[in-house]
Amino acid sequence: MSAPLAGGTGARPFGFRRVAVWTALALVAVLAALATTVVLLNLRGEAPIREDLPPPAASAAQLERGRYLAIVGNCAGCHTARGGAAYAGGRGIETPFGTLYAGNLTPDPLTGLGQWNADHFWRALHHGRSRDGRLLYPAFPYTSFTQVTREDSDALFAWLQSLPPVTQANRPHTLRFPYDTQAALAVWRALFFRPAEFVPEPGRSAEHNRGAYLVQGLGHCIACHGARNTLGATDVSRGLAGGVLPGENWYAPALDAPHEAGVAGWPLQDIVALLKTGRTAHGSVLGPMAEVVYRSTQHMSDADLQAMALYLKELPQQPVQPAPAQPPRRNESLLARGEKIYAQQCAWCHGDQGQGEPGAFPPLAGNRAINLSNPVNLVQVVRRGGYPPATEGNPRPYGMPPFGHVLSDEDIAAVLSYVRNSWGNTGAEVTLREVMQR
């Protein structure tokens, strides 16, 4: 028998195998290059850790500063479980990807920060990496804390080290795959996180820049008031443009929009009052923001509140959206049902014309919280109630009792639709689906 001719059918398998091998090698090379890029992006800017760094020898002034900074950052808000020891962790933070549990910040050597030093703590704030090198989830908002100065980081760490140690094991996170893997977190960080330092804005006053540092850094206001993408990363380019709080079903309104929560037109003292007391003649804070005022901002210095107020007042404002040329059709039967419910349940406090009662019950007529395009906050308040924080300037706050046990979902949709379409309000009608999703 004669040998097969070169290039005949007998030579094909070898040629295909060569192509397959080269394709596999090229794919491996691409994956290796991507993996190397992800690793390098996750290590950028990190300085070597000094493992032998001695414990901080903090002065009384530094400890007091650290205590104050913990209040500014509202650290206890996440790191104290209800009924638990302060700063010992254990509070669950719901996210669309599962539940994360805040860690123990007390100096316990087994379960807390007892074996950490100031370099470890700085790396956690500035780079989002734990003492053992693990990448931290951004529910711990190092994406904002990265702007905190080393001086403030050291003061905060020194104060945390002065707390009584509490032995309380950290609960493991319960995240869905692949979000529970360090590899997925590394890719997320490579895409959405870059260590940064606070840079004062040229041409602005020292007070404005102090406010910017507090809002952008320890205050981490963007964590609630920033828009997020499908992977949970805040859109820094949009700033404080508002967003739904992950896992909480509250909408944090835009701080740069006059039709939402922008304060550019407010007197400066009114902005300070809202942060200090939780209420002004313009309105009150409710929901998660009430907790922020209660735990954090009411305890801040007047100078820092003034600086934050000035920064928020000077934020560039979004343009006001023009009203639609053709108003939507009204569901008259829905509004009639809502009017009857309002007369029975709401008019006692808020008035027949939505005028409210000064100093007690907020007006509904012309209230921009009523007209927000997203009605989630209104549904939450009607169903579960809403209370401003108890503060020195508002020691006995009037609140909204829950009506979820009295009103059905259909009733809530009807009464909110009525309120949003009465007394000059221009909000869209609330659908049953919107109520049932909350």
Protein backbone atom coordinates (compact mmCIF):
# COMPACT_ATOMS: atom_id res chain seq x y z
CA MET A 1 0.00 0.00 0.00
CA SER A 2 1.21 3.45 -0.78
CA ALA A 3 1.55 6.04 1.97
CA PRO A 4 -1.09 8.76 2.06
CA LEU A 5 -0.17 11.90 0.19
CA ALA A 6 1.03 14.88 2.25
CA GLY A 7 -1.93 17.09 3.07
CA GLY A 8 -4.37 14.24 2.52
CA THR A 9 -6.95 13.00 4.96
CA GLY A 10 -4.35 11.21 7.02
CA ALA A 11 -2.66 14.56 7.94
CA ARG A 12 -5.80 16.48 9.02
CA PRO A 13 -6.02 15.36 12.68
CA PHE A 14 -2.47 16.52 13.35
CA GLY A 15 -3.22 19.97 11.87
CA PHE A 16 -6.39 20.32 13.93
CA ARG A 17 -4.53 19.31 17.10
CA ARG A 18 -1.90 21.99 16.46
CA VAL A 19 -4.60 24.67 16.04
CA ALA A 20 -6.35 23.48 19.21
CA VAL A 21 -3.11 23.55 21.20
CA TRP A 22 -2.20 27.05 20.03
CA THR A 23 -5.74 28.27 20.74
CA ALA A 24 -5.60 26.83 24.26
CA LEU A 25 -2.19 28.38 24.87
CA ALA A 26 -3.43 31.76 23.65
CA LEU A 27 -6.49 31.50 25.90
CA VAL A 28 -4.31 30.60 28.90
CA ALA A 29 -2.04 33.56 28.13
CA VAL A 30 -5.02 35.95 27.95
CA LEU A 31 -6.48 34.63 31.20
CA ALA A 32 -3.09 34.88 32.90
CA ALA A 33 -2.71 38.47 31.69
CA LEU A 34 -6.21 39.35 32.95
CA ALA A 35 -5.55 37.70 36.31
CA THR A 36 -2.25 39.56 36.64
CA THR A 37 -3.98 42.84 35.80
CA VAL A 38 -6.66 42.21 38.42
CA VAL A 39 -4.02 41.43 41.06
CA LEU A 40 -1.98 44.52 40.23
CA LEU A 41 -5.06 46.74 40.28
CA ASN A 42 -5.96 45.36 43.69
CA LEU A 43 -2.46 46.10 45.02
CA ARG A 44 -1.98 49.55 43.52
CA GLY A 45 -0.81 52.18 45.94
CA GLU A 46 -0.37 49.80 48.87
CA ALA A 47 2.72 50.35 51.02
CA PRO A 48 4.36 47.51 52.96
CA ILE A 49 2.79 46.81 56.34
CA ARG A 50 5.03 47.25 59.37
CA GLU A 51 4.09 44.20 61.42
CA ASP A 52 6.27 45.31 64.34
CA LEU A 53 4.60 48.71 64.68
CA PRO A 54 4.04 49.32 68.43
CA PRO A 55 0.60 50.08 69.89
CA PRO A 56 -0.39 53.75 69.69
CA ALA A 57 0.69 55.96 72.58
CA ALA A 58 -2.24 58.30 72.16
CA SER A 59 -2.70 61.58 73.96
CA ALA A 60 -6.01 62.54 75.54
CA ALA A 61 -6.58 64.97 72.67
CA GLN A 62 -6.01 62.25 70.05
CA LEU A 63 -8.37 59.87 71.84
CA GLU A 64 -11.06 62.54 71.99
CA ARG A 65 -10.54 63.22 68.32
CA GLY A 66 -10.89 59.52 67.55
CA ARG A 67 -14.10 59.32 69.56
CA TYR A 68 -15.50 62.26 67.62
CA LEU A 69 -14.47 60.78 64.26
CA ALA A 70 -16.28 57.53 65.12
CA ILE A 71 -19.41 59.63 65.60
CA VAL A 72 -18.88 61.46 62.30
CA GLY A 73 -18.54 58.13 60.50
CA ASN A 74 -21.49 56.64 62.42
CA CYS A 75 -19.35 53.55 63.03
CA ALA A 76 -21.68 52.30 65.75
CA GLY A 77 -24.57 52.31 63.28
CA CYS A 78 -23.26 49.20 61.55
CA HIS A 79 -20.86 47.77 64.13
CA THR A 80 -23.34 47.53 67.01
CA ALA A 81 -26.05 44.89 66.89
CA ARG A 82 -29.39 45.70 68.48
CA GLY A 83 -29.05 44.93 72.18
CA GLY A 84 -25.36 44.08 71.76
CA ALA A 85 -22.16 45.58 73.08
CA ALA A 86 -21.07 48.82 71.41
CA TYR A 87 -18.74 48.33 68.43
CA ALA A 88 -18.65 44.55 68.91
CA GLY A 89 -20.20 43.90 65.49
CA GLY A 90 -22.81 41.33 64.53
CA ARG A 91 -25.34 43.57 62.81
CA GLY A 92 -26.55 42.13 59.52
CA ILE A 93 -26.49 44.35 56.44
CA GLU A 94 -28.90 43.22 53.76
CA THR A 95 -27.75 43.57 50.15
CA PRO A 96 -29.11 42.29 46.82
CA PHE A 97 -26.31 39.67 46.94
CA GLY A 98 -26.92 38.33 50.44
CA THR A 99 -26.29 39.41 54.02
CA LEU A 100 -23.01 40.78 55.34
CA TYR A 101 -22.25 41.00 59.05
CA ALA A 102 -20.27 43.88 60.51
CA GLY A 103 -17.07 42.96 62.31
CA ASN A 104 -15.95 43.41 65.91
CA LEU A 105 -14.05 46.70 66.30
CA THR A 106 -13.18 46.29 69.98
CA PRO A 107 -9.55 45.40 70.86
CA ASP A 108 -10.31 41.77 71.69
CA PRO A 109 -7.24 39.78 70.49
CA LEU A 110 -9.24 36.79 69.25
CA THR A 111 -12.36 38.26 67.64
CA GLY A 112 -11.66 41.98 67.34
CA LEU A 113 -8.81 44.36 66.46
CA GLY A 114 -6.52 43.33 69.32
CA GLN A 115 -3.80 42.03 66.98
CA TRP A 116 -4.09 44.93 64.54
CA ASN A 117 -1.80 47.92 64.39
CA ALA A 118 -2.24 51.40 62.91
CA ASP A 119 -0.88 50.26 59.52
CA HIS A 120 -3.43 47.43 59.31
CA PHE A 121 -6.25 49.82 60.16
CA TRP A 122 -5.06 52.42 57.66
CA ARG A 123 -4.90 49.75 54.95
CA ALA A 124 -8.48 48.70 55.76
CA LEU A 125 -9.78 52.27 55.45
CA HIS A 126 -7.62 53.33 52.53
CA HIS A 127 -7.38 50.09 50.54
CA GLY A 128 -10.23 47.88 51.76
CA ARG A 129 -7.98 45.03 52.90
CA SER A 130 -8.10 43.24 56.24
CA ARG A 131 -5.17 42.45 58.56
CA ASP A 132 -4.77 38.96 57.08
CA GLY A 133 -4.81 40.31 53.51
CA ARG A 134 -8.40 39.41 52.68
CA LEU A 135 -10.29 41.85 50.49
CA LEU A 136 -13.14 43.54 52.34
CA TYR A 137 -16.64 43.91 50.95
CA PRO A 138 -17.65 47.50 50.15
CA ALA A 139 -20.61 47.34 52.53
CA PHE A 140 -17.77 48.60 54.72
CA PRO A 141 -17.58 51.84 52.74
CA TYR A 142 -13.85 52.03 52.13
CA THR A 143 -14.75 53.41 48.72
CA SER A 144 -15.43 56.63 50.70
CA PHE A 145 -13.11 56.05 53.66
CA THR A 146 -10.17 55.92 51.25
CA GLN A 147 -10.26 59.74 51.37
CA VAL A 148 -9.75 59.85 55.15
CA THR A 149 -6.34 61.25 56.13
CA ARG A 150 -3.73 59.10 57.86
CA GLU A 151 -3.88 61.45 60.85
CA ASP A 152 -7.62 60.85 61.26
CA SER A 153 -7.19 57.13 60.68
CA ASP A 154 -4.59 56.89 63.44
CA ALA A 155 -6.79 58.87 65.86
CA LEU A 156 -9.80 56.69 65.15
CA PHE A 157 -7.75 53.51 65.59
CA ALA A 158 -6.23 54.75 68.85
CA TRP A 159 -9.70 55.41 70.25
CA LEU A 160 -11.02 52.00 69.16
CA GLN A 161 -8.04 50.40 70.90
CA SER A 162 -9.03 52.20 74.11
CA LEU A 163 -12.47 50.52 74.22
CA PRO A 164 -13.18 47.60 76.55
CA PRO A 165 -12.44 44.39 74.62
CA VAL A 166 -15.49 42.26 73.86
CA THR A 167 -15.14 38.63 72.87
CA GLN A 168 -17.76 38.14 70.19
CA ALA A 169 -17.06 35.96 67.20
CA ASN A 170 -17.71 37.53 63.81
CA ARG A 171 -20.61 35.94 61.97
CA PRO A 172 -19.80 34.61 58.49
CA HIS A 173 -21.40 36.40 55.57
CA THR A 174 -24.21 34.63 53.72
CA LEU A 175 -23.69 35.69 50.12
CA ARG A 176 -24.75 33.87 46.99
CA PHE A 177 -22.18 32.37 44.63
CA PRO A 178 -20.06 33.83 43.06
CA TYR A 179 -20.33 36.96 45.22
CA ASP A 180 -19.00 34.98 48.20
CA THR A 181 -15.60 34.47 46.54
CA GLN A 182 -12.48 36.61 46.86
CA ALA A 183 -11.93 36.20 43.10
CA ALA A 184 -15.25 37.88 42.28
CA LEU A 185 -14.54 40.63 44.81
CA ALA A 186 -11.11 41.20 43.27
CA VAL A 187 -12.66 41.64 39.82
CA TRP A 188 -15.25 44.06 41.28
CA ARG A 189 -12.52 46.12 42.92
CA ALA A 190 -10.45 46.17 39.76
CA LEU A 191 -13.45 47.57 37.90
CA PHE A 192 -14.89 49.98 40.45
CA PHE A 193 -12.43 50.87 43.22
CA ARG A 194 -9.38 53.07 43.16
CA PRO A 195 -7.59 54.25 46.34
CA ALA A 196 -7.71 58.03 46.58
CA GLU A 197 -6.82 60.97 48.75
CA PHE A 198 -9.01 63.94 49.43
CA VAL A 199 -7.97 66.88 47.26
CA PRO A 200 -9.30 70.31 48.26
CA GLU A 201 -11.16 72.06 45.47
CA PRO A 202 -9.14 75.02 44.19
CA GLY A 203 -10.73 78.41 44.65
CA ARG A 204 -13.06 77.20 47.40
CA SER A 205 -12.99 78.34 51.00
CA ALA A 206 -11.44 76.23 53.74
CA GLU A 207 -14.93 75.79 55.20
CA HIS A 208 -16.33 74.47 51.91
CA ASN A 209 -13.45 72.00 51.57
CA ARG A 210 -13.88 70.86 55.18
CA GLY A 211 -17.51 70.13 54.37
CA ALA A 212 -16.49 68.27 51.22
CA TYR A 213 -14.01 66.16 53.23
CA LEU A 214 -16.68 65.22 55.76
CA VAL A 215 -19.39 64.47 53.18
CA GLN A 216 -17.14 62.53 50.81
CA GLY A 217 -14.98 60.77 53.42
CA LEU A 218 -16.07 59.61 56.86
CA GLY A 219 -19.63 60.84 56.30
CA HIS A 220 -19.82 58.54 53.22
CA CYS A 221 -23.06 60.24 52.12
CA ILE A 222 -22.76 58.76 48.63
CA ALA A 223 -23.26 55.28 50.12
CA CYS A 224 -26.96 56.14 50.44
CA HIS A 225 -27.46 59.18 48.22
CA GLY A 226 -25.54 57.81 45.23
CA ALA A 227 -26.86 55.84 42.28
CA ARG A 228 -25.61 52.24 41.97
CA ASN A 229 -25.14 49.91 39.04
CA THR A 230 -26.31 46.29 38.88
CA LEU A 231 -23.15 45.13 40.70
CA GLY A 232 -23.71 47.52 43.58
CA ALA A 233 -20.99 50.05 42.72
CA THR A 234 -21.81 53.72 43.27
CA ASP A 235 -21.66 55.90 40.18
CA VAL A 236 -19.16 58.50 41.36
CA SER A 237 -19.62 60.50 38.17
CA ARG A 238 -23.24 61.21 39.17
CA GLY A 239 -22.33 62.25 42.70
CA LEU A 240 -25.17 62.62 45.20
CA ALA A 241 -27.89 62.10 42.59
CA GLY A 242 -30.05 59.82 44.75
CA GLY A 243 -30.51 56.09 44.93
CA VAL A 244 -32.47 53.22 46.48
CA LEU A 245 -30.76 51.83 49.57
CA PRO A 246 -29.76 48.22 48.89
CA GLY A 247 -31.81 45.82 50.98
CA GLU A 248 -33.74 48.55 52.81
CA ASN A 249 -36.41 49.68 50.32
CA TRP A 250 -35.90 53.37 51.03
CA TYR A 251 -34.98 55.97 48.47
CA ALA A 252 -32.29 58.46 49.49
CA PRO A 253 -33.27 61.52 47.43
CA ALA A 254 -30.82 63.49 45.33
CA LEU A 255 -28.94 66.17 47.24
CA ASP A 256 -28.24 68.07 44.04
CA ALA A 257 -31.81 68.40 42.79
CA PRO A 258 -34.17 71.18 43.95
CA HIS A 259 -37.19 68.96 43.32
CA GLU A 260 -35.82 66.19 45.57
CA ALA A 261 -33.56 67.00 48.55
CA GLY A 262 -31.36 69.79 47.20
CA VAL A 263 -30.83 72.61 49.70
CA ALA A 264 -29.27 75.25 47.44
CA GLY A 265 -32.23 77.55 48.08
CA TRP A 266 -32.33 77.05 51.84
CA PRO A 267 -30.85 79.47 54.38
CA LEU A 268 -27.64 78.00 55.77
CA GLN A 269 -29.00 77.89 59.32
CA ASP A 270 -31.92 75.73 58.18
CA ILE A 271 -29.58 73.12 56.72
CA VAL A 272 -27.61 73.08 59.96
CA ALA A 273 -30.85 72.72 61.92
CA LEU A 274 -31.94 69.72 59.85
CA LEU A 275 -28.63 67.96 60.53
CA LYS A 276 -28.69 68.97 64.19
CA THR A 277 -32.32 68.33 65.12
CA GLY A 278 -33.82 66.28 62.30
CA ARG A 279 -36.48 68.83 61.44
CA THR A 280 -37.03 72.31 60.08
CA ALA A 281 -39.95 74.28 58.72
CA HIS A 282 -39.11 72.70 55.33
CA GLY A 283 -39.54 69.13 56.55
CA SER A 284 -38.23 66.30 58.73
CA VAL A 285 -35.92 63.35 58.24
CA LEU A 286 -37.39 59.84 58.45
CA GLY A 287 -36.26 56.28 57.95
CA PRO A 288 -32.52 55.56 57.72
CA MET A 289 -31.66 59.27 57.74
CA ALA A 290 -33.36 59.64 61.11
CA GLU A 291 -30.90 57.09 62.47
CA VAL A 292 -27.98 59.03 60.96
CA VAL A 293 -29.11 62.23 62.70
CA TYR A 294 -29.78 60.39 65.96
CA ARG A 295 -26.44 58.56 66.11
CA SER A 296 -24.18 60.94 64.23
CA THR A 297 -24.90 64.43 63.01
CA GLN A 298 -26.69 65.77 66.09
CA HIS A 299 -23.48 65.15 68.05
CA MET A 300 -21.16 66.90 65.59
CA SER A 301 -19.63 70.29 66.25
CA ASP A 302 -21.42 73.39 65.03
CA ALA A 303 -18.37 74.26 62.91
CA ASP A 304 -18.45 70.92 61.09
CA LEU A 305 -22.22 71.07 60.59
CA GLN A 306 -21.81 74.55 59.16
CA ALA A 307 -19.11 73.29 56.81
CA MET A 308 -21.24 70.36 55.62
CA ALA A 309 -24.23 72.65 55.16
CA LEU A 310 -22.16 75.07 53.09
CA TYR A 311 -20.83 72.27 50.88
CA LEU A 312 -24.32 70.84 50.31
CA LYS A 313 -25.73 74.29 49.61
CA GLU A 314 -23.03 74.95 46.99
CA LEU A 315 -23.46 71.65 45.12
CA PRO A 316 -24.16 72.19 41.41
CA GLN A 317 -27.86 71.53 40.92
CA GLN A 318 -29.52 69.32 38.35
CA PRO A 319 -31.80 71.18 35.95
CA VAL A 320 -35.48 71.03 36.80
CA GLN A 321 -37.29 68.66 34.46
CA PRO A 322 -40.10 70.34 32.49
CA ALA A 323 -43.63 69.17 33.15
CA PRO A 324 -45.04 66.80 30.51
CA ALA A 325 -46.95 68.59 27.77
CA GLN A 326 -49.85 66.17 28.12
CA PRO A 327 -50.82 65.28 31.71
CA PRO A 328 -51.48 61.56 32.24
CA ARG A 329 -55.03 60.31 32.39
CA ARG A 330 -56.43 60.17 35.91
CA ASN A 331 -57.97 57.04 37.36
CA GLU A 332 -60.98 58.78 38.88
CA SER A 333 -62.30 55.72 40.72
CA LEU A 334 -58.89 55.15 42.32
CA LEU A 335 -58.67 58.80 43.41
CA ALA A 336 -62.22 58.76 44.77
CA ARG A 337 -61.37 55.72 46.86
CA GLY A 338 -58.22 57.43 48.07
CA GLU A 339 -60.12 60.60 49.01
CA LYS A 340 -62.49 58.61 51.22
CA ILE A 341 -59.58 56.86 52.97
CA TYR A 342 -57.78 60.17 53.46
CA ALA A 343 -60.84 61.73 55.12
CA GLN A 344 -61.17 58.74 57.46
CA GLN A 345 -57.51 58.15 58.38
CA CYS A 346 -55.32 61.14 57.51
CA ALA A 347 -57.19 64.45 57.67
CA TRP A 348 -57.18 64.43 61.47
CA CYS A 349 -53.49 65.32 61.47
CA HIS A 350 -52.66 66.55 57.97
CA GLY A 351 -55.78 68.69 57.45
CA ASP A 352 -58.62 68.60 54.96
CA GLN A 353 -56.47 70.46 52.42
CA GLY A 354 -53.18 68.79 53.29
CA GLN A 355 -52.05 71.88 55.16
CA GLY A 356 -50.68 70.04 58.19
CA GLU A 357 -50.12 71.54 61.63
CA PRO A 358 -47.02 73.73 62.12
CA GLY A 359 -44.62 72.22 64.63
CA ALA A 360 -46.46 68.93 64.73
CA PHE A 361 -47.66 67.38 61.46
CA PRO A 362 -46.02 68.19 58.12
CA PRO A 363 -48.05 69.65 55.28
CA LEU A 364 -48.69 67.36 52.35
CA ALA A 365 -49.64 70.13 49.92
CA GLY A 366 -46.57 71.18 47.95
CA ASN A 367 -44.36 68.75 49.86
CA ARG A 368 -41.56 67.64 47.54
CA ALA A 369 -41.27 64.32 49.36
CA ILE A 370 -44.83 63.62 48.23
CA ASN A 371 -43.97 64.35 44.60
CA LEU A 372 -40.81 62.23 44.27
CA SER A 373 -40.93 60.12 41.14
CA ASN A 374 -40.14 57.04 43.25
CA PRO A 375 -42.95 56.54 45.82
CA VAL A 376 -41.10 53.93 47.90
CA ASN A 377 -40.64 56.20 50.94
CA LEU A 378 -44.33 57.06 51.06
CA VAL A 379 -45.28 53.38 50.95
CA GLN A 380 -42.83 52.63 53.76
CA VAL A 381 -44.12 55.46 55.96
CA VAL A 382 -47.80 54.59 55.49
CA ARG A 383 -47.23 50.87 55.99
CA ARG A 384 -44.64 50.92 58.80
CA GLY A 385 -44.82 54.44 60.20
CA GLY A 386 -42.13 57.09 60.29
CA TYR A 387 -40.60 59.06 63.11
CA PRO A 388 -38.09 61.89 63.17
CA PRO A 389 -35.17 61.33 65.55
CA ALA A 390 -35.31 62.39 69.19
CA THR A 391 -32.70 65.12 69.52
CA GLU A 392 -31.91 67.92 71.92
CA GLY A 393 -33.68 70.34 69.60
CA ASN A 394 -36.59 67.97 69.01
CA PRO A 395 -36.93 65.95 72.24
CA ARG A 396 -40.50 64.76 71.69
CA PRO A 397 -40.92 64.26 67.97
CA TYR A 398 -44.35 63.77 66.53
CA GLY A 399 -44.42 60.70 64.32
CA MET A 400 -46.52 58.90 61.77
CA PRO A 401 -48.05 55.68 63.19
CA PRO A 402 -48.09 52.59 60.99
CA PHE A 403 -51.22 51.89 58.96
CA GLY A 404 -50.16 48.58 57.43
CA HIS A 405 -52.47 46.71 59.80
CA VAL A 406 -55.40 48.95 58.86
CA LEU A 407 -55.01 49.56 55.14
CA SER A 408 -54.70 46.93 52.42
CA ASP A 409 -52.18 47.30 49.60
CA GLU A 410 -55.02 48.53 47.39
CA ASP A 411 -55.97 51.12 50.01
CA ILE A 412 -52.36 52.35 50.28
CA ALA A 413 -52.10 52.72 46.51
CA ALA A 414 -55.38 54.64 46.43
CA VAL A 415 -54.69 57.09 49.27
CA LEU A 416 -51.17 57.84 48.09
CA SER A 417 -52.45 58.40 44.55
CA TYR A 418 -55.00 60.84 45.93
CA VAL A 419 -52.44 62.74 47.99
CA ARG A 420 -50.03 62.93 45.05
CA ASN A 421 -52.74 64.40 42.85
CA SER A 422 -54.34 66.91 45.23
CA TRP A 423 -53.71 70.48 46.46
CA GLY A 424 -51.29 71.26 43.63
CA ASN A 425 -49.21 68.08 43.97
CA THR A 426 -48.08 66.59 40.69
CA GLY A 427 -46.87 63.07 41.54
CA ALA A 428 -47.82 60.08 39.45
CA GLU A 429 -50.45 57.68 40.68
CA VAL A 430 -49.12 54.80 42.77
CA THR A 431 -49.80 51.38 41.32
CA LEU A 432 -50.65 48.25 43.29
CA ARG A 433 -47.49 46.65 41.94
CA GLU A 434 -45.37 49.47 43.40
CA VAL A 435 -46.95 48.94 46.81
CA MET A 436 -46.54 45.15 46.72
CA GLN A 437 -42.84 45.44 45.83
CA ARG A 438 -42.05 47.32 49.05
